[in-house]
PDB file of N, CA and C in Angstrom:
ATOM      1  N   MET A   1     107.080 -21.105 139.448  1.00  0.00           N
ATOM      2  CA  MET A   1     107.445 -22.395 138.890  1.00  0.00           C
ATOM      3  C   MET A   1     108.208 -22.177 137.579  1.00  0.00           C
ATOM      4  N   ILE A   2     109.326 -22.841 137.447  1.00  0.00           N
ATOM      5  CA  ILE A   2     110.158 -22.704 136.258  1.00  0.00           C
ATOM      6  C   ILE A   2     109.917 -23.916 135.362  1.00  0.00           C
ATOM      7  N   THR A   3     109.654 -23.635 134.112  1.00  0.00           N
ATOM      8  CA  THR A   3     109.466 -24.721 133.152  1.00  0.00           C
ATOM      9  C   THR A   3     110.692 -24.829 132.267  1.00  0.00           C
ATOM     10  N   ASP A   4     110.749 -25.879 131.485  1.00  0.00           N
ATOM     11  CA  ASP A   4     111.884 -26.071 130.578  1.00  0.00           C
ATOM     12  C   ASP A   4     111.948 -24.975 129.520  1.00  0.00           C
ATOM     13  N   ASP A   5     110.810 -24.362 129.208  1.00  0.00           N
ATOM     14  CA  ASP A   5     110.793 -23.300 128.209  1.00  0.00           C
ATOM     15  C   ASP A   5     111.474 -22.036 128.710  1.00  0.00           C
ATOM     16  N   ALA A   6     111.617 -21.903 130.037  1.00  0.00           N
ATOM     17  CA  ALA A   6     112.196 -20.696 130.613  1.00  0.00           C
ATOM     18  C   ALA A   6     113.721 -20.683 130.534  1.00  0.00           C
ATOM     19  N   ILE A   7     114.346 -21.824 130.241  1.00  0.00           N
ATOM     20  CA  ILE A   7     115.804 -21.902 130.183  1.00  0.00           C
ATOM     21  C   ILE A   7     116.269 -21.396 128.825  1.00  0.00           C
ATOM     22  N   PRO A   8     117.139 -20.376 128.813  1.00  0.00           N
ATOM     23  CA  PRO A   8     117.649 -19.882 127.527  1.00  0.00           C
ATOM     24  C   PRO A   8     118.470 -20.962 126.820  1.00  0.00           C
ATOM     25  N   ASP A   9     118.555 -20.862 125.508  1.00  0.00           N
ATOM     26  CA  ASP A   9     119.287 -21.845 124.716  1.00  0.00           C
ATOM     27  C   ASP A   9     120.765 -21.883 125.071  1.00  0.00           C
ATOM     28  N   GLU A  10     121.345 -20.737 125.487  1.00  0.00           N
ATOM     29  CA  GLU A  10     122.770 -20.712 125.811  1.00  0.00           C
ATOM     30  C   GLU A  10     123.090 -21.545 127.040  1.00  0.00           C
ATOM     31  N   ARG A  11     122.141 -21.673 127.931  1.00  0.00           N
ATOM     32  CA  ARG A  11     122.386 -22.403 129.180  1.00  0.00           C
ATOM     33  C   ARG A  11     121.904 -23.844 129.115  1.00  0.00           C
ATOM     34  N   ALA A  12     121.294 -24.244 128.043  1.00  0.00           N
ATOM     35  CA  ALA A  12     120.799 -25.613 127.911  1.00  0.00           C
ATOM     36  C   ALA A  12     121.978 -26.573 127.821  1.00  0.00           C
ATOM     37  N   ALA A  13     121.741 -27.786 128.237  1.00  0.00           N
ATOM     38  CA  ALA A  13     122.793 -28.802 128.210  1.00  0.00           C
ATOM     39  C   ALA A  13     123.190 -29.103 126.768  1.00  0.00           C
ATOM     40  N   PRO A  14     124.478 -29.324 126.516  1.00  0.00           N
ATOM     41  CA  PRO A  14     124.905 -29.640 125.149  1.00  0.00           C
ATOM     42  C   PRO A  14     124.358 -31.003 124.724  1.00  0.00           C
ATOM     43  N   THR A  15     124.072 -31.125 123.471  1.00  0.00           N
ATOM     44  CA  THR A  15     123.516 -32.372 122.951  1.00  0.00           C
ATOM     45  C   THR A  15     124.521 -33.094 122.066  1.00  0.00           C
ATOM     46  N   ASP A  16     125.800 -32.963 122.375  1.00  0.00           N
ATOM     47  CA  ASP A  16     126.824 -33.654 121.595  1.00  0.00           C
ATOM     48  C   ASP A  16     126.682 -35.152 121.802  1.00  0.00           C
ATOM     49  N   GLU A  17     126.539 -35.870 120.706  1.00  0.00           N
ATOM     50  CA  GLU A  17     126.421 -37.311 120.785  1.00  0.00           C
ATOM     51  C   GLU A  17     127.806 -37.941 120.680  1.00  0.00           C
ATOM     52  N   VAL A  18     127.960 -39.067 121.326  1.00  0.00           N
ATOM     53  CA  VAL A  18     129.222 -39.794 121.284  1.00  0.00           C
ATOM     54  C   VAL A  18     129.231 -40.643 120.022  1.00  0.00           C
ATOM     55  N   SER A  19     130.314 -40.560 119.269  1.00  0.00           N
ATOM     56  CA  SER A  19     130.384 -41.294 118.008  1.00  0.00           C
ATOM     57  C   SER A  19     130.545 -42.789 118.250  1.00  0.00           C
ATOM     58  N   THR A  20     130.238 -43.539 117.231  1.00  0.00           N
ATOM     59  CA  THR A  20     130.372 -44.994 117.308  1.00  0.00           C
ATOM     60  C   THR A  20     131.831 -45.391 117.491  1.00  0.00           C
ATOM     61  N   ALA A  21     132.726 -44.678 116.832  1.00  0.00           N
ATOM     62  CA  ALA A  21     134.154 -44.984 116.961  1.00  0.00           C
ATOM     63  C   ALA A  21     134.627 -44.774 118.394  1.00  0.00           C
ATOM     64  N   THR A  22     134.115 -43.745 119.056  1.00  0.00           N
ATOM     65  CA  THR A  22     134.483 -43.506 120.452  1.00  0.00           C
ATOM     66  C   THR A  22     133.981 -44.638 121.338  1.00  0.00           C
ATOM     67  N   MET A  23     132.752 -45.063 121.117  1.00  0.00           N
ATOM     68  CA  MET A  23     132.197 -46.157 121.924  1.00  0.00           C
ATOM     69  C   MET A  23     132.970 -47.461 121.691  1.00  0.00           C
ATOM     70  N   VAL A  24     133.363 -47.713 120.460  1.00  0.00           N
ATOM     71  CA  VAL A  24     134.162 -48.908 120.166  1.00  0.00           C
ATOM     72  C   VAL A  24     135.523 -48.796 120.851  1.00  0.00           C
ATOM     73  N   GLY A  25     136.112 -47.607 120.837  1.00  0.00           N
ATOM     74  CA  GLY A  25     137.396 -47.396 121.522  1.00  0.00           C
ATOM     75  C   GLY A  25     137.287 -47.634 123.019  1.00  0.00           C
ATOM     76  N   TYR A  26     136.210 -47.138 123.635  1.00  0.00           N
ATOM     77  CA  TYR A  26     136.004 -47.368 125.066  1.00  0.00           C
ATOM     78  C   TYR A  26     135.828 -48.853 125.363  1.00  0.00           C
ATOM     79  N   ALA A  27     135.079 -49.541 124.513  1.00  0.00           N
ATOM     80  CA  ALA A  27     134.864 -50.979 124.713  1.00  0.00           C
ATOM     81  C   ALA A  27     136.173 -51.751 124.586  1.00  0.00           C
ATOM     82  N   VAL A  28     136.983 -51.396 123.594  1.00  0.00           N
ATOM     83  CA  VAL A  28     138.279 -52.057 123.410  1.00  0.00           C
ATOM     84  C   VAL A  28     139.186 -51.795 124.610  1.00  0.00           C
ATOM     85  N   ALA A  29     139.188 -50.559 125.108  1.00  0.00           N
ATOM     86  CA  ALA A  29     140.009 -50.228 126.275  1.00  0.00           C
ATOM     87  C   ALA A  29     139.535 -51.001 127.505  1.00  0.00           C
ATOM     88  N   GLY A  30     138.226 -51.117 127.689  1.00  0.00           N
ATOM     89  CA  GLY A  30     137.695 -51.882 128.817  1.00  0.00           C
ATOM     90  C   GLY A  30     138.064 -53.353 128.734  1.00  0.00           C
ATOM     91  N   ILE A  31     137.948 -53.925 127.559  1.00  0.00           N
ATOM     92  CA  ILE A  31     138.313 -55.330 127.370  1.00  0.00           C
ATOM     93  C   ILE A  31     139.815 -55.514 127.582  1.00  0.00           C
ATOM     94  N   ALA A  32     140.614 -54.545 127.147  1.00  0.00           N
ATOM     95  CA  ALA A  32     142.066 -54.635 127.340  1.00  0.00           C
ATOM     96  C   ALA A  32     142.432 -54.593 128.828  1.00  0.00           C
ATOM     97  N   VAL A  33     141.745 -53.748 129.609  1.00  0.00           N
ATOM     98  CA  VAL A  33     142.030 -53.675 131.043  1.00  0.00           C
ATOM     99  C   VAL A  33     141.638 -54.979 131.732  1.00  0.00           C
ATOM    100  N   VAL A  34     140.490 -55.537 131.374  1.00  0.00           N
ATOM    101  CA  VAL A  34     140.086 -56.824 131.951  1.00  0.00           C
ATOM    102  C   VAL A  34     141.059 -57.919 131.526  1.00  0.00           C
ATOM    103  N   GLY A  35     141.485 -57.896 130.268  1.00  0.00           N
ATOM    104  CA  GLY A  35     142.479 -58.862 129.802  1.00  0.00           C
ATOM    105  C   GLY A  35     143.802 -58.717 130.531  1.00  0.00           C
ATOM    106  N   TRP A  36     144.195 -57.489 130.804  1.00  0.00           N
ATOM    107  CA  TRP A  36     145.438 -57.236 131.548  1.00  0.00           C
ATOM    108  C   TRP A  36     145.340 -57.802 132.961  1.00  0.00           C
ATOM    109  N   PHE A  37     144.171 -57.626 133.585  1.00  0.00           N
ATOM    110  CA  PHE A  37     143.945 -58.204 134.910  1.00  0.00           C
ATOM    111  C   PHE A  37     144.050 -59.728 134.860  1.00  0.00           C
ATOM    112  N   LEU A  38     143.362 -60.346 133.915  1.00  0.00           N
ATOM    113  CA  LEU A  38     143.371 -61.814 133.819  1.00  0.00           C
ATOM    114  C   LEU A  38     144.762 -62.337 133.474  1.00  0.00           C
ATOM    115  N   PHE A  39     145.488 -61.632 132.623  1.00  0.00           N
ATOM    116  CA  PHE A  39     146.842 -62.043 132.287  1.00  0.00           C
ATOM    117  C   PHE A  39     147.743 -62.037 133.518  1.00  0.00           C
ATOM    118  N   GLY A  40     147.674 -60.961 134.283  1.00  0.00           N
ATOM    119  CA  GLY A  40     148.509 -60.882 135.488  1.00  0.00           C
ATOM    120  C   GLY A  40     148.125 -61.902 136.535  1.00  0.00           C
ATOM    121  N   TRP A  41     146.826 -62.156 136.675  1.00  0.00           N
ATOM    122  CA  TRP A  41     146.356 -63.055 137.725  1.00  0.00           C
ATOM    123  C   TRP A  41     146.552 -64.526 137.356  1.00  0.00           C
ATOM    124  N   LEU A  42     146.173 -64.895 136.128  1.00  0.00           N
ATOM    125  CA  LEU A  42     146.172 -66.309 135.754  1.00  0.00           C
ATOM    126  C   LEU A  42     147.466 -66.771 135.085  1.00  0.00           C
ATOM    127  N   VAL A  43     148.092 -65.910 134.294  1.00  0.00           N
ATOM    128  CA  VAL A  43     149.292 -66.322 133.569  1.00  0.00           C
ATOM    129  C   VAL A  43     150.542 -66.047 134.401  1.00  0.00           C
ATOM    130  N   GLN A  44     150.653 -64.826 134.905  1.00  0.00           N
ATOM    131  CA  GLN A  44     151.847 -64.478 135.673  1.00  0.00           C
ATOM    132  C   GLN A  44     151.751 -64.931 137.132  1.00  0.00           C
ATOM    133  N   ARG A  45     150.557 -65.273 137.591  1.00  0.00           N
ATOM    134  CA  ARG A  45     150.301 -65.727 138.967  1.00  0.00           C
ATOM    135  C   ARG A  45     150.893 -64.757 139.998  1.00  0.00           C
ATOM    136  N   GLN A  46     150.564 -63.471 139.826  1.00  0.00           N
ATOM    137  CA  GLN A  46     151.106 -62.465 140.726  1.00  0.00           C
ATOM    138  C   GLN A  46     150.170 -62.141 141.876  1.00  0.00           C
ATOM    139  N   GLY A  47     149.062 -62.819 141.990  1.00  0.00           N
ATOM    140  CA  GLY A  47     148.138 -62.592 143.088  1.00  0.00           C
ATOM    141  C   GLY A  47     146.964 -61.736 142.658  1.00  0.00           C
ATOM    142  N   PHE A  48     145.828 -61.982 143.305  1.00  0.00           N
ATOM    143  CA  PHE A  48     144.599 -61.292 142.936  1.00  0.00           C
ATOM    144  C   PHE A  48     144.690 -59.790 143.216  1.00  0.00           C
ATOM    145  N   VAL A  49     145.116 -59.426 144.412  1.00  0.00           N
ATOM    146  CA  VAL A  49     145.159 -58.019 144.802  1.00  0.00           C
ATOM    147  C   VAL A  49     146.153 -57.250 143.934  1.00  0.00           C
ATOM    148  N   ASP A  50     147.303 -57.826 143.659  1.00  0.00           N
ATOM    149  CA  ASP A  50     148.284 -57.165 142.796  1.00  0.00           C
ATOM    150  C   ASP A  50     147.738 -56.978 141.386  1.00  0.00           C
ATOM    151  N   SER A  51     147.030 -57.988 140.893  1.00  0.00           N
ATOM    152  CA  SER A  51     146.463 -57.884 139.545  1.00  0.00           C
ATOM    153  C   SER A  51     145.368 -56.828 139.492  1.00  0.00           C
ATOM    154  N   VAL A  52     144.530 -56.745 140.532  1.00  0.00           N
ATOM    155  CA  VAL A  52     143.490 -55.717 140.577  1.00  0.00           C
ATOM    156  C   VAL A  52     144.138 -54.332 140.612  1.00  0.00           C
ATOM    157  N   GLY A  53     145.173 -54.175 141.430  1.00  0.00           N
ATOM    158  CA  GLY A  53     145.849 -52.890 141.523  1.00  0.00           C
ATOM    159  C   GLY A  53     146.496 -52.480 140.220  1.00  0.00           C
ATOM    160  N   GLU A  54     147.111 -53.425 139.554  1.00  0.00           N
ATOM    161  CA  GLU A  54     147.759 -53.116 138.282  1.00  0.00           C
ATOM    162  C   GLU A  54     146.736 -52.755 137.212  1.00  0.00           C
ATOM    163  N   ALA A  55     145.638 -53.509 137.160  1.00  0.00           N
ATOM    164  CA  ALA A  55     144.589 -53.216 136.183  1.00  0.00           C
ATOM    165  C   ALA A  55     143.914 -51.876 136.502  1.00  0.00           C
ATOM    166  N   ALA A  56     143.693 -51.590 137.785  1.00  0.00           N
ATOM    167  CA  ALA A  56     143.085 -50.312 138.161  1.00  0.00           C
ATOM    168  C   ALA A  56     144.010 -49.151 137.801  1.00  0.00           C
ATOM    169  N   GLY A  57     145.296 -49.305 138.036  1.00  0.00           N
ATOM    170  CA  GLY A  57     146.253 -48.269 137.662  1.00  0.00           C
ATOM    171  C   GLY A  57     146.271 -48.029 136.162  1.00  0.00           C
ATOM    172  N   THR A  58     146.205 -49.106 135.396  1.00  0.00           N
ATOM    173  CA  THR A  58     146.152 -48.986 133.943  1.00  0.00           C
ATOM    174  C   THR A  58     144.870 -48.282 133.507  1.00  0.00           C
ATOM    175  N   GLY A  59     143.754 -48.653 134.139  1.00  0.00           N
ATOM    176  CA  GLY A  59     142.479 -48.009 133.817  1.00  0.00           C
ATOM    177  C   GLY A  59     142.488 -46.524 134.126  1.00  0.00           C
ATOM    178  N   PHE A  60     143.024 -46.160 135.300  1.00  0.00           N
ATOM    179  CA  PHE A  60     143.095 -44.744 135.650  1.00  0.00           C
ATOM    180  C   PHE A  60     144.040 -43.990 134.718  1.00  0.00           C
ATOM    181  N   GLY A  61     145.097 -44.640 134.297  1.00  0.00           N
ATOM    182  CA  GLY A  61     145.995 -44.013 133.326  1.00  0.00           C
ATOM    183  C   GLY A  61     145.293 -43.756 132.000  1.00  0.00           C
ATOM    184  N   LEU A  62     144.497 -44.719 131.549  1.00  0.00           N
ATOM    185  CA  LEU A  62     143.730 -44.520 130.315  1.00  0.00           C
ATOM    186  C   LEU A  62     142.717 -43.394 130.476  1.00  0.00           C
ATOM    187  N   LEU A  63     142.060 -43.327 131.638  1.00  0.00           N
ATOM    188  CA  LEU A  63     141.115 -42.245 131.889  1.00  0.00           C
ATOM    189  C   LEU A  63     141.808 -40.887 131.876  1.00  0.00           C
ATOM    190  N   LEU A  64     143.013 -40.823 132.403  1.00  0.00           N
ATOM    191  CA  LEU A  64     143.774 -39.580 132.388  1.00  0.00           C
ATOM    192  C   LEU A  64     144.099 -39.157 130.957  1.00  0.00           C
ATOM    193  N   ILE A  65     144.486 -40.109 130.139  1.00  0.00           N
ATOM    194  CA  ILE A  65     144.793 -39.810 128.736  1.00  0.00           C
ATOM    195  C   ILE A  65     143.548 -39.307 128.008  1.00  0.00           C
ATOM    196  N   VAL A  66     142.400 -39.969 128.243  1.00  0.00           N
ATOM    197  CA  VAL A  66     141.148 -39.541 127.617  1.00  0.00           C
ATOM    198  C   VAL A  66     140.778 -38.135 128.079  1.00  0.00           C
ATOM    199  N   SER A  67     140.984 -37.849 129.354  1.00  0.00           N
ATOM    200  CA  SER A  67     140.668 -36.529 129.895  1.00  0.00           C
ATOM    201  C   SER A  67     141.538 -35.446 129.267  1.00  0.00           C
ATOM    202  N   VAL A  68     142.817 -35.698 129.134  1.00  0.00           N
ATOM    203  CA  VAL A  68     143.723 -34.717 128.532  1.00  0.00           C
ATOM    204  C   VAL A  68     143.359 -34.487 127.068  1.00  0.00           C
ATOM    205  N   ILE A  69     143.080 -35.544 126.335  1.00  0.00           N
ATOM    206  CA  ILE A  69     142.700 -35.399 124.926  1.00  0.00           C
ATOM    207  C   ILE A  69     141.403 -34.616 124.807  1.00  0.00           C
ATOM    208  N   GLY A  70     140.425 -34.909 125.663  1.00  0.00           N
ATOM    209  CA  GLY A  70     139.166 -34.172 125.629  1.00  0.00           C
ATOM    210  C   GLY A  70     139.344 -32.706 125.948  1.00  0.00           C
ATOM    211  N   THR A  71     140.217 -32.403 126.903  1.00  0.00           N
ATOM    212  CA  THR A  71     140.475 -31.002 127.253  1.00  0.00           C
ATOM    213  C   THR A  71     141.137 -30.259 126.108  1.00  0.00           C
ATOM    214  N   VAL A  72     142.090 -30.890 125.465  1.00  0.00           N
ATOM    215  CA  VAL A  72     142.778 -30.251 124.339  1.00  0.00           C
ATOM    216  C   VAL A  72     141.805 -30.021 123.189  1.00  0.00           C
ATOM    217  N   ARG A  73     140.978 -31.003 122.899  1.00  0.00           N
ATOM    218  CA  ARG A  73     140.006 -30.859 121.804  1.00  0.00           C
ATOM    219  C   ARG A  73     138.980 -29.783 122.102  1.00  0.00           C
ATOM    220  N   ARG A  74     138.530 -29.698 123.348  1.00  0.00           N
ATOM    221  CA  ARG A  74     137.532 -28.701 123.716  1.00  0.00           C
ATOM    222  C   ARG A  74     138.118 -27.286 123.698  1.00  0.00           C
ATOM    223  N   SER A  75     139.393 -27.155 124.039  1.00  0.00           N
ATOM    224  CA  SER A  75     139.996 -25.815 124.057  1.00  0.00           C
ATOM    225  C   SER A  75     140.248 -25.276 122.645  1.00  0.00           C
ATOM    226  N   ARG A  76     140.291 -26.145 121.661  1.00  0.00           N
ATOM    227  CA  ARG A  76     140.508 -25.705 120.284  1.00  0.00           C
ATOM    228  C   ARG A  76     139.235 -25.178 119.645  1.00  0.00           C
ATOM    229  N   ARG A  77     138.073 -25.433 120.235  1.00  0.00           N
ATOM    230  CA  ARG A  77     136.799 -24.983 119.652  1.00  0.00           C
ATOM    231  C   ARG A  77     136.608 -23.519 119.838  1.00  0.00           C
TER     232      ARG A  77
END
């Protein structure tokens, strides 16, 4: 039986906490994507499916940017 004490410190999960500024940035990005969806659907009247697709594409683009920034920051350590 393996206990938690048997795991060496080098292999333990990192305990990096997410900063408040990062959480606020994620919340702002989420609200912006929802706002982009509502703008396209209700103001531009481009259709529900088109608005969902556009908002999803924007969201995935933001996730890609966050991923690239995280990779660059991690490689500098």
